Amino acid sequence: MPEILNKKQLEDAIKCDATCQNCSLIRIGEYKSDCIPAIAQTALAYRDMLERLEWSMPADRWGGDYCPMCGNSDLEGHTADCELAALLKESEGEEG
């Protein structure tokens, strides 16, 4: 399983020019394509964490758990401007 990248490595990946010169990801592999599994693994780990956080605030006496970003319950759904809901929706992609 590829390792989870740190913030510096992810920032380097954004600036990647495929030369691997002065890159903090160089220890993962010699070529750019060797970095892709580690980047993907890191992205999936962060997405899984966001999914676990989505309704992580405990239920109240009326039932329902709450989103830590918008404060709405899972019974109501997210507010229209909830950043967490938008990020999760954007990262879902097309299935099937």
PDB file of N, CA and C in Angstrom:
ATOM      1  N   MET A   1       0.847  -1.183   0.000  1.00  0.00           N
ATOM      2  CA  MET A   1       0.000   0.000   0.000  1.00  0.00           C
ATOM      3  C   MET A   1       0.888   1.242   0.000  1.00  0.00           C
ATOM      4  N   PRO A   2       0.613   2.198  -0.893  1.00  0.00           N
ATOM      5  CA  PRO A   2       1.411   3.417  -0.923  1.00  0.00           C
ATOM      6  C   PRO A   2       1.275   4.200   0.371  1.00  0.00           C
ATOM      7  N   GLU A   3       2.281   4.974   0.671  1.00  0.00           N
ATOM      8  CA  GLU A   3       2.249   5.769   1.893  1.00  0.00           C
ATOM      9  C   GLU A   3       1.341   6.984   1.733  1.00  0.00           C
ATOM     10  N   ILE A   4       0.914   7.536   2.853  1.00  0.00           N
ATOM     11  CA  ILE A   4       0.143   8.775   2.852  1.00  0.00           C
ATOM     12  C   ILE A   4       1.143   9.923   2.783  1.00  0.00           C
ATOM     13  N   LEU A   5       0.925  10.834   1.851  1.00  0.00           N
ATOM     14  CA  LEU A   5       1.849  11.943   1.657  1.00  0.00           C
ATOM     15  C   LEU A   5       1.585  13.055   2.658  1.00  0.00           C
ATOM     16  N   ASN A   6       2.632  13.795   2.982  1.00  0.00           N
ATOM     17  CA  ASN A   6       2.477  14.946   3.880  1.00  0.00           C
ATOM     18  C   ASN A   6       2.145  16.196   3.065  1.00  0.00           C
ATOM     19  N   LYS A   7       1.879  17.297   3.747  1.00  0.00           N
ATOM     20  CA  LYS A   7       1.456  18.529   3.087  1.00  0.00           C
ATOM     21  C   LYS A   7       2.498  19.018   2.087  1.00  0.00           C
ATOM     22  N   LYS A   8       3.762  18.993   2.451  1.00  0.00           N
ATOM     23  CA  LYS A   8       4.836  19.447   1.558  1.00  0.00           C
ATOM     24  C   LYS A   8       4.868  18.610   0.282  1.00  0.00           C
ATOM     25  N   GLN A   9       4.723  17.308   0.419  1.00  0.00           N
ATOM     26  CA  GLN A   9       4.728  16.434  -0.750  1.00  0.00           C
ATOM     27  C   GLN A   9       3.530  16.710  -1.663  1.00  0.00           C
ATOM     28  N   LEU A  10       2.380  16.948  -1.073  1.00  0.00           N
ATOM     29  CA  LEU A  10       1.206  17.267  -1.881  1.00  0.00           C
ATOM     30  C   LEU A  10       1.372  18.611  -2.596  1.00  0.00           C
ATOM     31  N   GLU A  11       1.958  19.584  -1.914  1.00  0.00           N
ATOM     32  CA  GLU A  11       2.232  20.879  -2.548  1.00  0.00           C
ATOM     33  C   GLU A  11       3.215  20.719  -3.701  1.00  0.00           C
ATOM     34  N   ASP A  12       4.234  19.873  -3.526  1.00  0.00           N
ATOM     35  CA  ASP A  12       5.186  19.606  -4.604  1.00  0.00           C
ATOM     36  C   ASP A  12       4.481  18.930  -5.783  1.00  0.00           C
ATOM     37  N   ALA A  13       3.560  18.038  -5.504  1.00  0.00           N
ATOM     38  CA  ALA A  13       2.848  17.341  -6.576  1.00  0.00           C
ATOM     39  C   ALA A  13       2.038  18.320  -7.422  1.00  0.00           C
ATOM     40  N   ILE A  14       1.483  19.344  -6.799  1.00  0.00           N
ATOM     41  CA  ILE A  14       0.718  20.352  -7.536  1.00  0.00           C
ATOM     42  C   ILE A  14       1.617  21.083  -8.527  1.00  0.00           C
ATOM     43  N   LYS A  15       2.870  21.329  -8.135  1.00  0.00           N
ATOM     44  CA  LYS A  15       3.818  22.069  -8.978  1.00  0.00           C
ATOM     45  C   LYS A  15       4.624  21.163  -9.901  1.00  0.00           C
ATOM     46  N   CYS A  16       4.283  19.903  -9.962  1.00  0.00           N
ATOM     47  CA  CYS A  16       5.080  18.916 -10.697  1.00  0.00           C
ATOM     48  C   CYS A  16       5.251  19.296 -12.162  1.00  0.00           C
ATOM     49  N   ASP A  17       6.510  19.218 -12.626  1.00  0.00           N
ATOM     50  CA  ASP A  17       6.801  19.438 -14.037  1.00  0.00           C
ATOM     51  C   ASP A  17       7.366  18.171 -14.683  1.00  0.00           C
ATOM     52  N   ALA A  18       7.253  17.064 -13.989  1.00  0.00           N
ATOM     53  CA  ALA A  18       7.667  15.739 -14.459  1.00  0.00           C
ATOM     54  C   ALA A  18       9.175  15.552 -14.557  1.00  0.00           C
ATOM     55  N   THR A  19       9.961  16.499 -14.037  1.00  0.00           N
ATOM     56  CA  THR A  19      11.418  16.326 -14.074  1.00  0.00           C
ATOM     57  C   THR A  19      11.945  15.689 -12.799  1.00  0.00           C
ATOM     58  N   CYS A  20      11.151  15.718 -11.748  1.00  0.00           N
ATOM     59  CA  CYS A  20      11.516  15.156 -10.441  1.00  0.00           C
ATOM     60  C   CYS A  20      12.746  15.830  -9.829  1.00  0.00           C
ATOM     61  N   GLN A  21      13.088  17.015 -10.273  1.00  0.00           N
ATOM     62  CA  GLN A  21      14.214  17.757  -9.709  1.00  0.00           C
ATOM     63  C   GLN A  21      13.757  18.499  -8.458  1.00  0.00           C
ATOM     64  N   ASN A  22      14.484  18.342  -7.376  1.00  0.00           N
ATOM     65  CA  ASN A  22      14.201  19.026  -6.107  1.00  0.00           C
ATOM     66  C   ASN A  22      12.787  18.769  -5.604  1.00  0.00           C
ATOM     67  N   CYS A  23      12.306  17.571  -5.792  1.00  0.00           N
ATOM     68  CA  CYS A  23      10.948  17.214  -5.394  1.00  0.00           C
ATOM     69  C   CYS A  23      10.989  16.348  -4.138  1.00  0.00           C
ATOM     70  N   SER A  24      10.125  16.630  -3.190  1.00  0.00           N
ATOM     71  CA  SER A  24      10.090  15.845  -1.959  1.00  0.00           C
ATOM     72  C   SER A  24       9.462  14.466  -2.185  1.00  0.00           C
ATOM     73  N   LEU A  25       8.884  14.231  -3.351  1.00  0.00           N
ATOM     74  CA  LEU A  25       8.319  12.918  -3.649  1.00  0.00           C
ATOM     75  C   LEU A  25       9.352  11.979  -4.261  1.00  0.00           C
ATOM     76  N   ILE A  26      10.549  12.455  -4.546  1.00  0.00           N
ATOM     77  CA  ILE A  26      11.556  11.674  -5.261  1.00  0.00           C
ATOM     78  C   ILE A  26      11.864  10.350  -4.563  1.00  0.00           C
ATOM     79  N   ARG A  27      11.759  10.297  -3.256  1.00  0.00           N
ATOM     80  CA  ARG A  27      12.068   9.062  -2.546  1.00  0.00           C
ATOM     81  C   ARG A  27      11.019   7.979  -2.776  1.00  0.00           C
ATOM     82  N   ILE A  28       9.840   8.355  -3.256  1.00  0.00           N
ATOM     83  CA  ILE A  28       8.784   7.384  -3.536  1.00  0.00           C
ATOM     84  C   ILE A  28       9.111   6.605  -4.802  1.00  0.00           C
ATOM     85  N   GLY A  29       9.628   7.293  -5.785  1.00  0.00           N
ATOM     86  CA  GLY A  29       9.947   6.624  -7.044  1.00  0.00           C
ATOM     87  C   GLY A  29      10.805   7.504  -7.913  1.00  0.00           C
ATOM     88  N   GLU A  30      11.356   6.915  -8.933  1.00  0.00           N
ATOM     89  CA  GLU A  30      12.250   7.651  -9.815  1.00  0.00           C
ATOM     90  C   GLU A  30      11.490   8.489 -10.828  1.00  0.00           C
ATOM     91  N   TYR A  31      10.299   8.057 -11.217  1.00  0.00           N
ATOM     92  CA  TYR A  31       9.565   8.729 -12.270  1.00  0.00           C
ATOM     93  C   TYR A  31       8.237   9.261 -11.761  1.00  0.00           C
ATOM     94  N   LYS A  32       7.717  10.236 -12.478  1.00  0.00           N
ATOM     95  CA  LYS A  32       6.457  10.869 -12.107  1.00  0.00           C
ATOM     96  C   LYS A  32       5.345   9.846 -11.891  1.00  0.00           C
ATOM     97  N   SER A  33       5.237   8.861 -12.746  1.00  0.00           N
ATOM     98  CA  SER A  33       4.143   7.901 -12.634  1.00  0.00           C
ATOM     99  C   SER A  33       4.198   7.113 -11.327  1.00  0.00           C
ATOM    100  N   ASP A  34       5.378   7.022 -10.712  1.00  0.00           N
ATOM    101  CA  ASP A  34       5.491   6.335  -9.429  1.00  0.00           C
ATOM    102  C   ASP A  34       4.812   7.109  -8.302  1.00  0.00           C
ATOM    103  N   CYS A  35       4.608   8.393  -8.495  1.00  0.00           N
ATOM    104  CA  CYS A  35       3.983   9.241  -7.478  1.00  0.00           C
ATOM    105  C   CYS A  35       2.459   9.113  -7.481  1.00  0.00           C
ATOM    106  N   ILE A  36       1.895   8.756  -8.600  1.00  0.00           N
ATOM    107  CA  ILE A  36       0.443   8.755  -8.756  1.00  0.00           C
ATOM    108  C   ILE A  36      -0.272   7.869  -7.736  1.00  0.00           C
ATOM    109  N   PRO A  37       0.160   6.621  -7.482  1.00  0.00           N
ATOM    110  CA  PRO A  37      -0.538   5.817  -6.478  1.00  0.00           C
ATOM    111  C   PRO A  37      -0.505   6.441  -5.081  1.00  0.00           C
ATOM    112  N   ALA A  38       0.594   7.059  -4.702  1.00  0.00           N
ATOM    113  CA  ALA A  38       0.686   7.688  -3.382  1.00  0.00           C
ATOM    114  C   ALA A  38      -0.234   8.904  -3.289  1.00  0.00           C
ATOM    115  N   ILE A  39      -0.316   9.672  -4.356  1.00  0.00           N
ATOM    116  CA  ILE A  39      -1.204  10.836  -4.382  1.00  0.00           C
ATOM    117  C   ILE A  39      -2.659  10.381  -4.295  1.00  0.00           C
ATOM    118  N   ALA A  40      -3.006   9.368  -5.066  1.00  0.00           N
ATOM    119  CA  ALA A  40      -4.377   8.851  -5.050  1.00  0.00           C
ATOM    120  C   ALA A  40      -4.739   8.273  -3.681  1.00  0.00           C
ATOM    121  N   GLN A  41      -3.826   7.532  -3.077  1.00  0.00           N
ATOM    122  CA  GLN A  41      -4.068   6.944  -1.755  1.00  0.00           C
ATOM    123  C   GLN A  41      -4.312   8.039  -0.722  1.00  0.00           C
ATOM    124  N   THR A  42      -3.517   9.100  -0.796  1.00  0.00           N
ATOM    125  CA  THR A  42      -3.676  10.214   0.138  1.00  0.00           C
ATOM    126  C   THR A  42      -5.025  10.896  -0.058  1.00  0.00           C
ATOM    127  N   ALA A  43      -5.395  11.142  -1.309  1.00  0.00           N
ATOM    128  CA  ALA A  43      -6.681  11.784  -1.593  1.00  0.00           C
ATOM    129  C   ALA A  43      -7.848  10.943  -1.085  1.00  0.00           C
ATOM    130  N   LEU A  44      -7.788   9.642  -1.299  1.00  0.00           N
ATOM    131  CA  LEU A  44      -8.861   8.767  -0.821  1.00  0.00           C
ATOM    132  C   LEU A  44      -8.929   8.725   0.702  1.00  0.00           C
ATOM    133  N   ALA A  45      -7.779   8.741   1.352  1.00  0.00           N
ATOM    134  CA  ALA A  45      -7.762   8.744   2.820  1.00  0.00           C
ATOM    135  C   ALA A  45      -8.421  10.012   3.359  1.00  0.00           C
ATOM    136  N   TYR A  46      -8.112  11.158   2.753  1.00  0.00           N
ATOM    137  CA  TYR A  46      -8.734  12.406   3.193  1.00  0.00           C
ATOM    138  C   TYR A  46     -10.235  12.408   2.903  1.00  0.00           C
ATOM    139  N   ARG A  47     -10.639  11.880   1.760  1.00  0.00           N
ATOM    140  CA  ARG A  47     -12.064  11.827   1.438  1.00  0.00           C
ATOM    141  C   ARG A  47     -12.821  10.931   2.408  1.00  0.00           C
ATOM    142  N   ASP A  48     -12.239   9.785   2.729  1.00  0.00           N
ATOM    143  CA  ASP A  48     -12.871   8.887   3.704  1.00  0.00           C
ATOM    144  C   ASP A  48     -13.041   9.588   5.050  1.00  0.00           C
ATOM    145  N   MET A  49     -12.046  10.375   5.448  1.00  0.00           N
ATOM    146  CA  MET A  49     -12.129  11.099   6.710  1.00  0.00           C
ATOM    147  C   MET A  49     -13.256  12.132   6.655  1.00  0.00           C
ATOM    148  N   LEU A  50     -13.388  12.828   5.536  1.00  0.00           N
ATOM    149  CA  LEU A  50     -14.467  13.807   5.400  1.00  0.00           C
ATOM    150  C   LEU A  50     -15.833  13.138   5.469  1.00  0.00           C
ATOM    151  N   GLU A  51     -15.968  11.955   4.864  1.00  0.00           N
ATOM    152  CA  GLU A  51     -17.236  11.229   4.948  1.00  0.00           C
ATOM    153  C   GLU A  51     -17.568  10.869   6.399  1.00  0.00           C
ATOM    154  N   ARG A  52     -16.568  10.474   7.164  1.00  0.00           N
ATOM    155  CA  ARG A  52     -16.815  10.129   8.574  1.00  0.00           C
ATOM    156  C   ARG A  52     -17.187  11.364   9.387  1.00  0.00           C
ATOM    157  N   LEU A  53     -16.690  12.529   8.993  1.00  0.00           N
ATOM    158  CA  LEU A  53     -16.995  13.767   9.706  1.00  0.00           C
ATOM    159  C   LEU A  53     -18.363  14.345   9.338  1.00  0.00           C
ATOM    160  N   GLU A  54     -18.885  13.961   8.184  1.00  0.00           N
ATOM    161  CA  GLU A  54     -20.086  14.597   7.647  1.00  0.00           C
ATOM    162  C   GLU A  54     -21.212  14.735   8.674  1.00  0.00           C
ATOM    163  N   TRP A  55     -21.568  13.708   9.347  1.00  0.00           N
ATOM    164  CA  TRP A  55     -22.648  13.764  10.355  1.00  0.00           C
ATOM    165  C   TRP A  55     -22.078  13.345  11.714  1.00  0.00           C
ATOM    166  N   SER A  56     -20.984  13.940  12.108  1.00  0.00           N
ATOM    167  CA  SER A  56     -20.249  13.486  13.295  1.00  0.00           C
ATOM    168  C   SER A  56     -20.669  14.142  14.603  1.00  0.00           C
ATOM    169  N   MET A  57     -21.431  15.211  14.549  1.00  0.00           N
ATOM    170  CA  MET A  57     -21.879  15.823  15.801  1.00  0.00           C
ATOM    171  C   MET A  57     -23.043  14.992  16.340  1.00  0.00           C
ATOM    172  N   PRO A  58     -23.032  14.653  17.621  1.00  0.00           N
ATOM    173  CA  PRO A  58     -24.018  13.729  18.193  1.00  0.00           C
ATOM    174  C   PRO A  58     -25.460  14.212  18.066  1.00  0.00           C
ATOM    175  N   ALA A  59     -26.333  13.236  18.038  1.00  0.00           N
ATOM    176  CA  ALA A  59     -27.771  13.502  17.946  1.00  0.00           C
ATOM    177  C   ALA A  59     -28.257  14.274  19.162  1.00  0.00           C
ATOM    178  N   ASP A  60     -29.304  15.041  18.935  1.00  0.00           N
ATOM    179  CA  ASP A  60     -29.932  15.741  20.041  1.00  0.00           C
ATOM    180  C   ASP A  60     -31.199  14.998  20.445  1.00  0.00           C
ATOM    181  N   ARG A  61     -31.973  15.574  21.296  1.00  0.00           N
ATOM    182  CA  ARG A  61     -33.164  14.877  21.797  1.00  0.00           C
ATOM    183  C   ARG A  61     -34.230  14.672  20.725  1.00  0.00           C
ATOM    184  N   TRP A  62     -34.132  15.415  19.611  1.00  0.00           N
ATOM    185  CA  TRP A  62     -35.095  15.240  18.529  1.00  0.00           C
ATOM    186  C   TRP A  62     -34.616  14.216  17.506  1.00  0.00           C
ATOM    187  N   GLY A  63     -33.430  13.715  17.690  1.00  0.00           N
ATOM    188  CA  GLY A  63     -32.860  12.741  16.752  1.00  0.00           C
ATOM    189  C   GLY A  63     -32.072  13.413  15.654  1.00  0.00           C
ATOM    190  N   GLY A  64     -31.303  12.642  14.995  1.00  0.00           N
ATOM    191  CA  GLY A  64     -30.487  13.173  13.900  1.00  0.00           C
ATOM    192  C   GLY A  64     -29.108  13.587  14.383  1.00  0.00           C
ATOM    193  N   ASP A  65     -28.128  13.316  13.576  1.00  0.00           N
ATOM    194  CA  ASP A  65     -26.774  13.780  13.842  1.00  0.00           C
ATOM    195  C   ASP A  65     -26.549  15.045  13.024  1.00  0.00           C
ATOM    196  N   TYR A  66     -25.499  15.796  13.365  1.00  0.00           N
ATOM    197  CA  TYR A  66     -25.307  17.105  12.766  1.00  0.00           C
ATOM    198  C   TYR A  66     -23.989  17.244  12.023  1.00  0.00           C
ATOM    199  N   CYS A  67     -24.012  18.060  10.974  1.00  0.00           N
ATOM    200  CA  CYS A  67     -22.823  18.377  10.206  1.00  0.00           C
ATOM    201  C   CYS A  67     -22.001  19.415  10.972  1.00  0.00           C
ATOM    202  N   PRO A  68     -20.695  19.197  11.154  1.00  0.00           N
ATOM    203  CA  PRO A  68     -19.880  20.158  11.886  1.00  0.00           C
ATOM    204  C   PRO A  68     -19.646  21.457  11.117  1.00  0.00           C
ATOM    205  N   MET A  69     -19.914  21.471   9.818  1.00  0.00           N
ATOM    206  CA  MET A  69     -19.689  22.685   9.023  1.00  0.00           C
ATOM    207  C   MET A  69     -20.922  23.581   8.978  1.00  0.00           C
ATOM    208  N   CYS A  70     -22.076  23.024   8.591  1.00  0.00           N
ATOM    209  CA  CYS A  70     -23.263  23.870   8.428  1.00  0.00           C
ATOM    210  C   CYS A  70     -24.202  23.804   9.626  1.00  0.00           C
ATOM    211  N   GLY A  71     -24.053  22.783  10.463  1.00  0.00           N
ATOM    212  CA  GLY A  71     -24.880  22.671  11.654  1.00  0.00           C
ATOM    213  C   GLY A  71     -26.240  22.032  11.434  1.00  0.00           C
ATOM    214  N   ASN A  72     -26.607  21.723  10.213  1.00  0.00           N
ATOM    215  CA  ASN A  72     -27.892  21.066   9.963  1.00  0.00           C
ATOM    216  C   ASN A  72     -27.821  19.594  10.342  1.00  0.00           C
ATOM    217  N   SER A  73     -28.988  19.029  10.620  1.00  0.00           N
ATOM    218  CA  SER A  73     -29.040  17.607  10.967  1.00  0.00           C
ATOM    219  C   SER A  73     -29.131  16.759   9.706  1.00  0.00           C
ATOM    220  N   ASP A  74     -28.820  15.490   9.870  1.00  0.00           N
ATOM    221  CA  ASP A  74     -28.942  14.580   8.729  1.00  0.00           C
ATOM    222  C   ASP A  74     -30.405  14.388   8.339  1.00  0.00           C
ATOM    223  N   LEU A  75     -31.327  14.737   9.218  1.00  0.00           N
ATOM    224  CA  LEU A  75     -32.753  14.667   8.899  1.00  0.00           C
ATOM    225  C   LEU A  75     -33.162  15.801   7.952  1.00  0.00           C
ATOM    226  N   GLU A  76     -32.497  16.958   8.086  1.00  0.00           N
ATOM    227  CA  GLU A  76     -32.767  18.121   7.234  1.00  0.00           C
ATOM    228  C   GLU A  76     -31.926  18.119   5.965  1.00  0.00           C
ATOM    229  N   GLY A  77     -30.732  17.595   6.071  1.00  0.00           N
ATOM    230  CA  GLY A  77     -29.763  17.697   4.984  1.00  0.00           C
ATOM    231  C   GLY A  77     -28.935  18.967   5.141  1.00  0.00           C
ATOM    232  N   HIS A  78     -27.899  19.067   4.375  1.00  0.00           N
ATOM    233  CA  HIS A  78     -26.991  20.213   4.455  1.00  0.00           C
ATOM    234  C   HIS A  78     -27.651  21.498   3.981  1.00  0.00           C
ATOM    235  N   THR A  79     -27.125  22.625   4.448  1.00  0.00           N
ATOM    236  CA  THR A  79     -27.544  23.916   3.905  1.00  0.00           C
ATOM    237  C   THR A  79     -27.012  24.022   2.479  1.00  0.00           C
ATOM    238  N   ALA A  80     -27.589  24.911   1.704  1.00  0.00           N
ATOM    239  CA  ALA A  80     -27.196  25.072   0.300  1.00  0.00           C
ATOM    240  C   ALA A  80     -25.736  25.495   0.148  1.00  0.00           C
ATOM    241  N   ASP A  81     -25.208  26.194   1.151  1.00  0.00           N
ATOM    242  CA  ASP A  81     -23.836  26.695   1.055  1.00  0.00           C
ATOM    243  C   ASP A  81     -22.832  25.905   1.899  1.00  0.00           C
ATOM    244  N   CYS A  82     -23.174  24.690   2.290  1.00  0.00           N
ATOM    245  CA  CYS A  82     -22.280  23.884   3.128  1.00  0.00           C
ATOM    246  C   CYS A  82     -21.043  23.458   2.329  1.00  0.00           C
ATOM    247  N   GLU A  83     -19.876  23.875   2.796  1.00  0.00           N
ATOM    248  CA  GLU A  83     -18.623  23.553   2.110  1.00  0.00           C
ATOM    249  C   GLU A  83     -18.306  22.056   2.136  1.00  0.00           C
ATOM    250  N   LEU A  84     -18.622  21.395   3.244  1.00  0.00           N
ATOM    251  CA  LEU A  84     -18.351  19.963   3.353  1.00  0.00           C
ATOM    252  C   LEU A  84     -19.199  19.177   2.357  1.00  0.00           C
ATOM    253  N   ALA A  85     -20.476  19.503   2.271  1.00  0.00           N
ATOM    254  CA  ALA A  85     -21.362  18.826   1.323  1.00  0.00           C
ATOM    255  C   ALA A  85     -20.900  19.062  -0.108  1.00  0.00           C
ATOM    256  N   ALA A  86     -20.501  20.289  -0.420  1.00  0.00           N
ATOM    257  CA  ALA A  86     -20.038  20.608  -1.778  1.00  0.00           C
ATOM    258  C   ALA A  86     -18.772  19.837  -2.118  1.00  0.00           C
ATOM    259  N   LEU A  87     -17.842  19.752  -1.186  1.00  0.00           N
ATOM    260  CA  LEU A  87     -16.596  19.034  -1.421  1.00  0.00           C
ATOM    261  C   LEU A  87     -16.850  17.541  -1.632  1.00  0.00           C
ATOM    262  N   LEU A  88     -17.693  16.959  -0.794  1.00  0.00           N
ATOM    263  CA  LEU A  88     -18.004  15.540  -0.949  1.00  0.00           C
ATOM    264  C   LEU A  88     -18.735  15.267  -2.260  1.00  0.00           C
ATOM    265  N   LYS A  89     -19.676  16.146  -2.614  1.00  0.00           N
ATOM    266  CA  LYS A  89     -20.418  15.952  -3.862  1.00  0.00           C
ATOM    267  C   LYS A  89     -19.482  16.061  -5.054  1.00  0.00           C
ATOM    268  N   GLU A  90     -18.607  17.058  -5.045  1.00  0.00           N
ATOM    269  CA  GLU A  90     -17.672  17.260  -6.146  1.00  0.00           C
ATOM    270  C   GLU A  90     -16.722  16.068  -6.300  1.00  0.00           C
ATOM    271  N   SER A  91     -16.365  15.451  -5.201  1.00  0.00           N
ATOM    272  CA  SER A  91     -15.398  14.357  -5.253  1.00  0.00           C
ATOM    273  C   SER A  91     -16.041  12.994  -5.545  1.00  0.00           C
ATOM    274  N   GLU A  92     -17.366  12.935  -5.611  1.00  0.00           N
ATOM    275  CA  GLU A  92     -18.050  11.670  -5.899  1.00  0.00           C
ATOM    276  C   GLU A  92     -17.801  11.195  -7.320  1.00  0.00           C
ATOM    277  N   GLY A  93     -17.908  12.078  -8.290  1.00  0.00           N
ATOM    278  CA  GLY A  93     -17.725  11.697  -9.682  1.00  0.00           C
ATOM    279  C   GLY A  93     -18.877  10.846 -10.174  1.00  0.00           C
ATOM    280  N   GLU A  94     -18.755  10.380 -11.377  1.00  0.00           N
ATOM    281  CA  GLU A  94     -19.779   9.524 -11.984  1.00  0.00           C
ATOM    282  C   GLU A  94     -19.496   8.088 -11.641  1.00  0.00           C
ATOM    283  N   GLU A  95     -20.524   7.357 -11.206  1.00  0.00           N
ATOM    284  CA  GLU A  95     -20.388   5.931 -10.922  1.00  0.00           C
ATOM    285  C   GLU A  95     -21.102   5.133 -11.985  1.00  0.00           C
ATOM    286  N   GLY A  96     -20.612   3.885 -12.192  1.00  0.00           N
ATOM    287  CA  GLY A  96     -21.304   3.014 -13.108  1.00  0.00           C
ATOM    288  C   GLY A  96     -20.640   2.922 -14.370  1.00  0.00           C
TER     289      GLY A  96
END
